[in-house]
Amino acid sequence: MENKPYLTPKQEKVLNFIRKRIGERLPPTIREIGWELGFKSTGTVRDYLRVLIQKGLVRRMNNKSRAIELTERAGFNKIPIIGTVMAGKPNLAYEEIQGYVDSDDLFLGRLGFDDVFALRVKGDSMIDAGILDGDVAIIKKRPNADNNDIVAALLDSNEVTLKRLRNKAGKFHLEAANSNYPPIFEEFKVIGKLITVIRKY
């Protein structure tokens, strides 16, 4: 997928709001974009839309109030695959994106595409949970999980790992689904919970 063209922070906010609303199956009107972003004039919104259209990220169909569509170039219906996290928080603006998963075949319910990311599985530490090397794990972003959930966790080394969350005597640690790997007792932060795994043959 080609790189998205450069956008100013305000242009990015407009695009992200459009993406969020389309992800909720309700494209925004020009007035709704203005209300959300604090624009006093619909003309200002039209100016932003004109720029996004020129950059090939948005399409508009005339004579319809909810006629805004995202183009393939805008990355809609694409879930980013991240590897190592460059900053200490799961914000995709600061992560190294290694590719995209087409989400057309995934049932995500009411989740928007800003709520999920993907990890490419490396190694065999989760094979007893049916997660194999090369699989793509779809993760819902969240800062907590329950005992026995499979989670994406950020380690002190700024690496993300996919492991099962375990609670022993009130203290959480991470466990592999392979007896050849020891539990992880070092400090970590849960950044998401596994939703599903994609495997291509």
C-alpha atoms as a PDB file:
ATOM      1  CA  MET A   1       0.000   0.000   0.000  1.00  0.00           C
ATOM      2  CA  GLU A   2       1.409   3.390  -0.932  1.00  0.00           C
ATOM      3  CA  ASN A   3       2.275   5.912   1.732  1.00  0.00           C
ATOM      4  CA  LYS A   4      -0.380   8.410   2.736  1.00  0.00           C
ATOM      5  CA  PRO A   5       0.471  11.984   1.707  1.00  0.00           C
ATOM      6  CA  TYR A   6       1.563  14.519   4.311  1.00  0.00           C
ATOM      7  CA  LEU A   7      -1.269  16.102   6.290  1.00  0.00           C
ATOM      8  CA  THR A   8      -1.275  18.946   8.772  1.00  0.00           C
ATOM      9  CA  PRO A   9      -2.461  18.019  12.296  1.00  0.00           C
ATOM     10  CA  LYS A  10      -5.881  19.621  11.640  1.00  0.00           C
ATOM     11  CA  GLN A  11      -6.246  17.820   8.292  1.00  0.00           C
ATOM     12  CA  GLU A  12      -5.369  14.566  10.070  1.00  0.00           C
ATOM     13  CA  LYS A  13      -8.081  15.265  12.676  1.00  0.00           C
ATOM     14  CA  VAL A  14     -10.684  15.803   9.955  1.00  0.00           C
ATOM     15  CA  LEU A  15      -9.637  12.583   8.205  1.00  0.00           C
ATOM     16  CA  ASN A  16      -9.628  10.601  11.468  1.00  0.00           C
ATOM     17  CA  PHE A  17     -13.140  11.816  12.347  1.00  0.00           C
ATOM     18  CA  ILE A  18     -14.392  10.811   8.904  1.00  0.00           C
ATOM     19  CA  ARG A  19     -12.680   7.428   9.275  1.00  0.00           C
ATOM     20  CA  LYS A  20     -14.231   6.913  12.733  1.00  0.00           C
ATOM     21  CA  ARG A  21     -17.748   7.751  11.567  1.00  0.00           C
ATOM     22  CA  ILE A  22     -17.490   5.587   8.457  1.00  0.00           C
ATOM     23  CA  GLY A  23     -16.225   2.783  10.698  1.00  0.00           C
ATOM     24  CA  GLU A  24     -19.481   3.238  12.645  1.00  0.00           C
ATOM     25  CA  ARG A  25     -21.385   2.937   9.322  1.00  0.00           C
ATOM     26  CA  LEU A  26     -22.580   6.551   9.435  1.00  0.00           C
ATOM     27  CA  PRO A  27     -20.555   8.939   7.269  1.00  0.00           C
ATOM     28  CA  PRO A  28     -20.575  12.458   8.754  1.00  0.00           C
ATOM     29  CA  THR A  29     -22.267  15.472   7.238  1.00  0.00           C
ATOM     30  CA  ILE A  30     -20.332  18.696   6.676  1.00  0.00           C
ATOM     31  CA  ARG A  31     -22.114  20.255   9.681  1.00  0.00           C
ATOM     32  CA  GLU A  32     -21.185  17.301  11.915  1.00  0.00           C
ATOM     33  CA  ILE A  33     -17.534  17.644  10.976  1.00  0.00           C
ATOM     34  CA  GLY A  34     -17.729  21.340  11.822  1.00  0.00           C
ATOM     35  CA  TRP A  35     -19.354  20.672  15.208  1.00  0.00           C
ATOM     36  CA  GLU A  36     -16.858  17.971  16.109  1.00  0.00           C
ATOM     37  CA  LEU A  37     -13.785  20.050  15.249  1.00  0.00           C
ATOM     38  CA  GLY A  38     -15.071  23.464  16.331  1.00  0.00           C
ATOM     39  CA  PHE A  39     -15.271  25.064  12.869  1.00  0.00           C
ATOM     40  CA  LYS A  40     -17.711  27.973  12.840  1.00  0.00           C
ATOM     41  CA  SER A  41     -18.218  27.891   9.079  1.00  0.00           C
ATOM     42  CA  THR A  42     -19.235  25.027   6.803  1.00  0.00           C
ATOM     43  CA  GLY A  43     -17.017  26.739   4.244  1.00  0.00           C
ATOM     44  CA  THR A  44     -13.998  25.884   6.405  1.00  0.00           C
ATOM     45  CA  VAL A  45     -15.026  22.209   6.409  1.00  0.00           C
ATOM     46  CA  ARG A  46     -15.425  22.312   2.633  1.00  0.00           C
ATOM     47  CA  ASP A  47     -11.905  23.745   2.341  1.00  0.00           C
ATOM     48  CA  TYR A  48     -10.506  20.831   4.362  1.00  0.00           C
ATOM     49  CA  LEU A  49     -12.488  18.315   2.324  1.00  0.00           C
ATOM     50  CA  ARG A  50     -11.203  19.901  -0.877  1.00  0.00           C
ATOM     51  CA  VAL A  51      -7.612  19.356   0.299  1.00  0.00           C
ATOM     52  CA  LEU A  52      -8.318  15.720   1.276  1.00  0.00           C
ATOM     53  CA  ILE A  53      -9.938  15.148  -2.133  1.00  0.00           C
ATOM     54  CA  GLN A  54      -6.931  16.701  -3.910  1.00  0.00           C
ATOM     55  CA  LYS A  55      -4.623  14.379  -1.932  1.00  0.00           C
ATOM     56  CA  GLY A  56      -6.651  11.377  -3.041  1.00  0.00           C
ATOM     57  CA  LEU A  57      -7.904  10.409   0.441  1.00  0.00           C
ATOM     58  CA  VAL A  58     -11.593  11.307   0.214  1.00  0.00           C
ATOM     59  CA  ARG A  59     -14.353  11.171  -2.392  1.00  0.00           C
ATOM     60  CA  ARG A  60     -17.635  13.107  -2.373  1.00  0.00           C
ATOM     61  CA  MET A  61     -20.835  12.297  -4.226  1.00  0.00           C
ATOM     62  CA  ASN A  62     -22.863  15.377  -5.070  1.00  0.00           C
ATOM     63  CA  ASN A  63     -26.387  16.056  -3.826  1.00  0.00           C
ATOM     64  CA  LYS A  64     -26.196  13.743  -0.810  1.00  0.00           C
ATOM     65  CA  SER A  65     -25.685  14.888   2.789  1.00  0.00           C
ATOM     66  CA  ARG A  66     -23.764  11.758   3.879  1.00  0.00           C
ATOM     67  CA  ALA A  67     -21.805  11.366   0.680  1.00  0.00           C
ATOM     68  CA  ILE A  68     -18.242  11.326   2.014  1.00  0.00           C
ATOM     69  CA  GLU A  69     -16.229   8.194   1.236  1.00  0.00           C
ATOM     70  CA  LEU A  70     -12.656   7.243   1.997  1.00  0.00           C
ATOM     71  CA  THR A  71     -10.435   6.024  -0.810  1.00  0.00           C
ATOM     72  CA  GLU A  72      -8.170   2.985  -0.671  1.00  0.00           C
ATOM     73  CA  ARG A  73      -5.270   5.395  -0.214  1.00  0.00           C
ATOM     74  CA  ALA A  74      -6.721   6.582   3.103  1.00  0.00           C
ATOM     75  CA  GLY A  75      -6.196   3.127   4.546  1.00  0.00           C
ATOM     76  CA  PHE A  76      -9.831   2.502   5.459  1.00  0.00           C
ATOM     77  CA  ASN A  77     -10.611  -1.132   6.273  1.00  0.00           C
ATOM     78  CA  LYS A  78      -6.896  -1.665   6.839  1.00  0.00           C
ATOM     79  CA  ILE A  79      -5.677  -2.718  10.274  1.00  0.00           C
ATOM     80  CA  PRO A  80      -2.018  -1.770  10.831  1.00  0.00           C
ATOM     81  CA  ILE A  81       0.460  -4.516  11.659  1.00  0.00           C
ATOM     82  CA  ILE A  82       2.934  -3.210  14.216  1.00  0.00           C
ATOM     83  CA  GLY A  83       6.175  -4.743  15.366  1.00  0.00           C
ATOM     84  CA  THR A  84       8.193  -3.000  18.044  1.00  0.00           C
ATOM     85  CA  VAL A  85       6.643   0.036  19.697  1.00  0.00           C
ATOM     86  CA  MET A  86       8.819   3.091  19.213  1.00  0.00           C
ATOM     87  CA  ALA A  87       7.294   5.020  22.140  1.00  0.00           C
ATOM     88  CA  GLY A  88       6.040   3.701  25.445  1.00  0.00           C
ATOM     89  CA  LYS A  89       2.355   3.823  24.618  1.00  0.00           C
ATOM     90  CA  PRO A  90       0.189   2.085  22.012  1.00  0.00           C
ATOM     91  CA  ASN A  91      -0.436   5.125  19.853  1.00  0.00           C
ATOM     92  CA  LEU A  92      -0.176   4.172  16.192  1.00  0.00           C
ATOM     93  CA  ALA A  93       1.210   7.581  15.286  1.00  0.00           C
ATOM     94  CA  TYR A  94       4.422   6.567  17.081  1.00  0.00           C
ATOM     95  CA  GLU A  95       4.645   2.935  16.076  1.00  0.00           C
ATOM     96  CA  GLU A  96       6.547   1.229  13.338  1.00  0.00           C
ATOM     97  CA  ILE A  97       3.867   0.028  10.926  1.00  0.00           C
ATOM     98  CA  GLN A  98       5.036  -3.044   8.996  1.00  0.00           C
ATOM     99  CA  GLY A  99       2.032  -3.525   6.753  1.00  0.00           C
ATOM    100  CA  TYR A 100      -1.739  -3.773   6.806  1.00  0.00           C
ATOM    101  CA  VAL A 101      -4.406  -6.433   7.183  1.00  0.00           C
ATOM    102  CA  ASP A 102      -7.502  -6.072   5.015  1.00  0.00           C
ATOM    103  CA  SER A 103     -10.372  -6.183   7.477  1.00  0.00           C
ATOM    104  CA  ASP A 104     -13.179  -6.851   4.988  1.00  0.00           C
ATOM    105  CA  ASP A 105     -13.407 -10.477   6.110  1.00  0.00           C
ATOM    106  CA  LEU A 106     -13.268  -9.738   9.854  1.00  0.00           C
ATOM    107  CA  PHE A 107     -16.337  -9.349  11.997  1.00  0.00           C
ATOM    108  CA  LEU A 108     -15.462  -6.571  14.441  1.00  0.00           C
ATOM    109  CA  GLY A 109     -18.955  -5.692  15.635  1.00  0.00           C
ATOM    110  CA  ARG A 110     -19.129  -2.126  16.925  1.00  0.00           C
ATOM    111  CA  LEU A 111     -15.374  -1.698  17.068  1.00  0.00           C
ATOM    112  CA  GLY A 112     -13.980   1.142  15.013  1.00  0.00           C
ATOM    113  CA  PHE A 113     -10.712   0.717  13.165  1.00  0.00           C
ATOM    114  CA  ASP A 114      -8.995   3.068  15.607  1.00  0.00           C
ATOM    115  CA  ASP A 115      -9.712   0.481  18.340  1.00  0.00           C
ATOM    116  CA  VAL A 116      -7.644  -2.363  16.898  1.00  0.00           C
ATOM    117  CA  PHE A 117      -4.161  -3.179  15.662  1.00  0.00           C
ATOM    118  CA  ALA A 118      -2.375  -6.314  14.537  1.00  0.00           C
ATOM    119  CA  LEU A 119       0.803  -8.132  15.524  1.00  0.00           C
ATOM    120  CA  ARG A 120       2.674 -10.585  13.350  1.00  0.00           C
ATOM    121  CA  VAL A 121       3.489 -13.627  15.484  1.00  0.00           C
ATOM    122  CA  LYS A 122       7.135 -14.681  15.605  1.00  0.00           C
ATOM    123  CA  GLY A 123       8.244 -17.965  17.107  1.00  0.00           C
ATOM    124  CA  ASP A 124       6.435 -20.865  18.747  1.00  0.00           C
ATOM    125  CA  SER A 125       5.787 -19.580  22.273  1.00  0.00           C
ATOM    126  CA  MET A 126       1.976 -19.734  21.827  1.00  0.00           C
ATOM    127  CA  ILE A 127       1.602 -22.962  19.834  1.00  0.00           C
ATOM    128  CA  ASP A 128      -0.409 -24.747  22.548  1.00  0.00           C
ATOM    129  CA  ALA A 129      -3.011 -21.975  22.204  1.00  0.00           C
ATOM    130  CA  GLY A 130      -3.169 -22.655  18.454  1.00  0.00           C
ATOM    131  CA  ILE A 131      -1.186 -19.511  17.561  1.00  0.00           C
ATOM    132  CA  LEU A 132       1.612 -20.278  15.120  1.00  0.00           C
ATOM    133  CA  ASP A 133       4.672 -18.519  13.716  1.00  0.00           C
ATOM    134  CA  GLY A 134       3.582 -16.177  10.915  1.00  0.00           C
ATOM    135  CA  ASP A 135      -0.006 -15.774  12.130  1.00  0.00           C
ATOM    136  CA  VAL A 136      -1.422 -12.260  12.433  1.00  0.00           C
ATOM    137  CA  ALA A 137      -3.044 -11.544  15.807  1.00  0.00           C
ATOM    138  CA  ILE A 138      -5.832  -8.938  15.837  1.00  0.00           C
ATOM    139  CA  ILE A 139      -5.742  -7.003  19.097  1.00  0.00           C
ATOM    140  CA  LYS A 140      -8.367  -4.758  20.685  1.00  0.00           C
ATOM    141  CA  LYS A 141      -6.681  -1.813  22.369  1.00  0.00           C
ATOM    142  CA  ARG A 142      -7.311  -1.771  26.124  1.00  0.00           C
ATOM    143  CA  PRO A 143      -5.165  -1.144  29.220  1.00  0.00           C
ATOM    144  CA  ASN A 144      -6.363  -4.157  31.203  1.00  0.00           C
ATOM    145  CA  ALA A 145      -7.564  -7.757  30.878  1.00  0.00           C
ATOM    146  CA  ASP A 146      -8.753 -10.680  32.959  1.00  0.00           C
ATOM    147  CA  ASN A 147      -6.889 -13.690  34.269  1.00  0.00           C
ATOM    148  CA  ASN A 148      -6.205 -16.240  31.464  1.00  0.00           C
ATOM    149  CA  ASP A 149      -6.830 -13.702  28.655  1.00  0.00           C
ATOM    150  CA  ILE A 150      -4.294 -13.676  25.828  1.00  0.00           C
ATOM    151  CA  VAL A 151      -2.905 -10.149  25.684  1.00  0.00           C
ATOM    152  CA  ALA A 152      -0.455  -7.937  23.867  1.00  0.00           C
ATOM    153  CA  ALA A 153       1.906  -6.632  26.543  1.00  0.00           C
ATOM    154  CA  LEU A 154       4.535  -3.920  26.352  1.00  0.00           C
ATOM    155  CA  LEU A 155       7.744  -4.955  28.112  1.00  0.00           C
ATOM    156  CA  ASP A 156      10.338  -2.641  29.656  1.00  0.00           C
ATOM    157  CA  SER A 157      12.504  -3.268  26.580  1.00  0.00           C
ATOM    158  CA  ASN A 158       9.797  -1.527  24.484  1.00  0.00           C
ATOM    159  CA  GLU A 159       8.996  -4.827  22.792  1.00  0.00           C
ATOM    160  CA  VAL A 160       5.449  -6.085  22.416  1.00  0.00           C
ATOM    161  CA  THR A 161       4.799  -9.746  23.204  1.00  0.00           C
ATOM    162  CA  LEU A 162       1.697 -11.925  22.878  1.00  0.00           C
ATOM    163  CA  LYS A 163       1.210 -14.045  26.013  1.00  0.00           C
ATOM    164  CA  ARG A 164      -1.438 -15.339  28.420  1.00  0.00           C
ATOM    165  CA  LEU A 165      -2.109 -13.127  31.449  1.00  0.00           C
ATOM    166  CA  ARG A 166      -1.904 -15.028  34.745  1.00  0.00           C
ATOM    167  CA  ASN A 167      -2.715 -13.911  38.301  1.00  0.00           C
ATOM    168  CA  LYS A 168      -0.878 -15.597  41.144  1.00  0.00           C
ATOM    169  CA  ALA A 169      -1.412 -14.377  44.714  1.00  0.00           C
ATOM    170  CA  GLY A 170      -2.743 -11.063  43.431  1.00  0.00           C
ATOM    171  CA  LYS A 171       0.247 -10.383  41.161  1.00  0.00           C
ATOM    172  CA  PHE A 172       0.024 -10.666  37.383  1.00  0.00           C
ATOM    173  CA  HIS A 173       2.659 -12.225  35.137  1.00  0.00           C
ATOM    174  CA  LEU A 174       2.806 -13.463  31.543  1.00  0.00           C
ATOM    175  CA  GLU A 175       2.898 -17.082  30.450  1.00  0.00           C
ATOM    176  CA  ALA A 176       3.702 -18.655  27.106  1.00  0.00           C
ATOM    177  CA  ALA A 177       1.517 -21.442  25.734  1.00  0.00           C
ATOM    178  CA  ASN A 178       4.580 -23.648  25.349  1.00  0.00           C
ATOM    179  CA  SER A 179       6.292 -25.395  28.267  1.00  0.00           C
ATOM    180  CA  ASN A 180       9.726 -24.666  26.757  1.00  0.00           C
ATOM    181  CA  TYR A 181       9.366 -20.972  27.668  1.00  0.00           C
ATOM    182  CA  PRO A 182       9.554 -19.665  31.265  1.00  0.00           C
ATOM    183  CA  PRO A 183       6.960 -17.230  32.655  1.00  0.00           C
ATOM    184  CA  ILE A 184       7.721 -13.512  32.380  1.00  0.00           C
ATOM    185  CA  PHE A 185       7.775 -11.766  35.749  1.00  0.00           C
ATOM    186  CA  GLU A 186       9.395  -8.487  34.620  1.00  0.00           C
ATOM    187  CA  GLU A 187       7.415  -5.257  34.529  1.00  0.00           C
ATOM    188  CA  PHE A 188       4.930  -5.009  31.662  1.00  0.00           C
ATOM    189  CA  LYS A 189       1.870  -3.059  30.588  1.00  0.00           C
ATOM    190  CA  VAL A 190      -1.190  -4.584  28.915  1.00  0.00           C
ATOM    191  CA  ILE A 191      -1.952  -2.681  25.709  1.00  0.00           C
ATOM    192  CA  GLY A 192      -4.610  -4.930  24.220  1.00  0.00           C
ATOM    193  CA  LYS A 193      -6.542  -8.193  24.254  1.00  0.00           C
ATOM    194  CA  LEU A 194      -6.516 -10.819  21.504  1.00  0.00           C
ATOM    195  CA  ILE A 195      -9.698 -10.858  19.406  1.00  0.00           C
ATOM    196  CA  THR A 196      -8.835 -13.322  16.670  1.00  0.00           C
ATOM    197  CA  VAL A 197      -5.954 -14.779  14.652  1.00  0.00           C
ATOM    198  CA  ILE A 198      -5.590 -14.694  10.874  1.00  0.00           C
ATOM    199  CA  ARG A 199      -3.692 -17.456   9.101  1.00  0.00           C
ATOM    200  CA  LYS A 200      -3.160 -17.515   5.357  1.00  0.00           C
ATOM    201  CA  TYR A 201      -2.337 -20.709   3.510  1.00  0.00           C
END
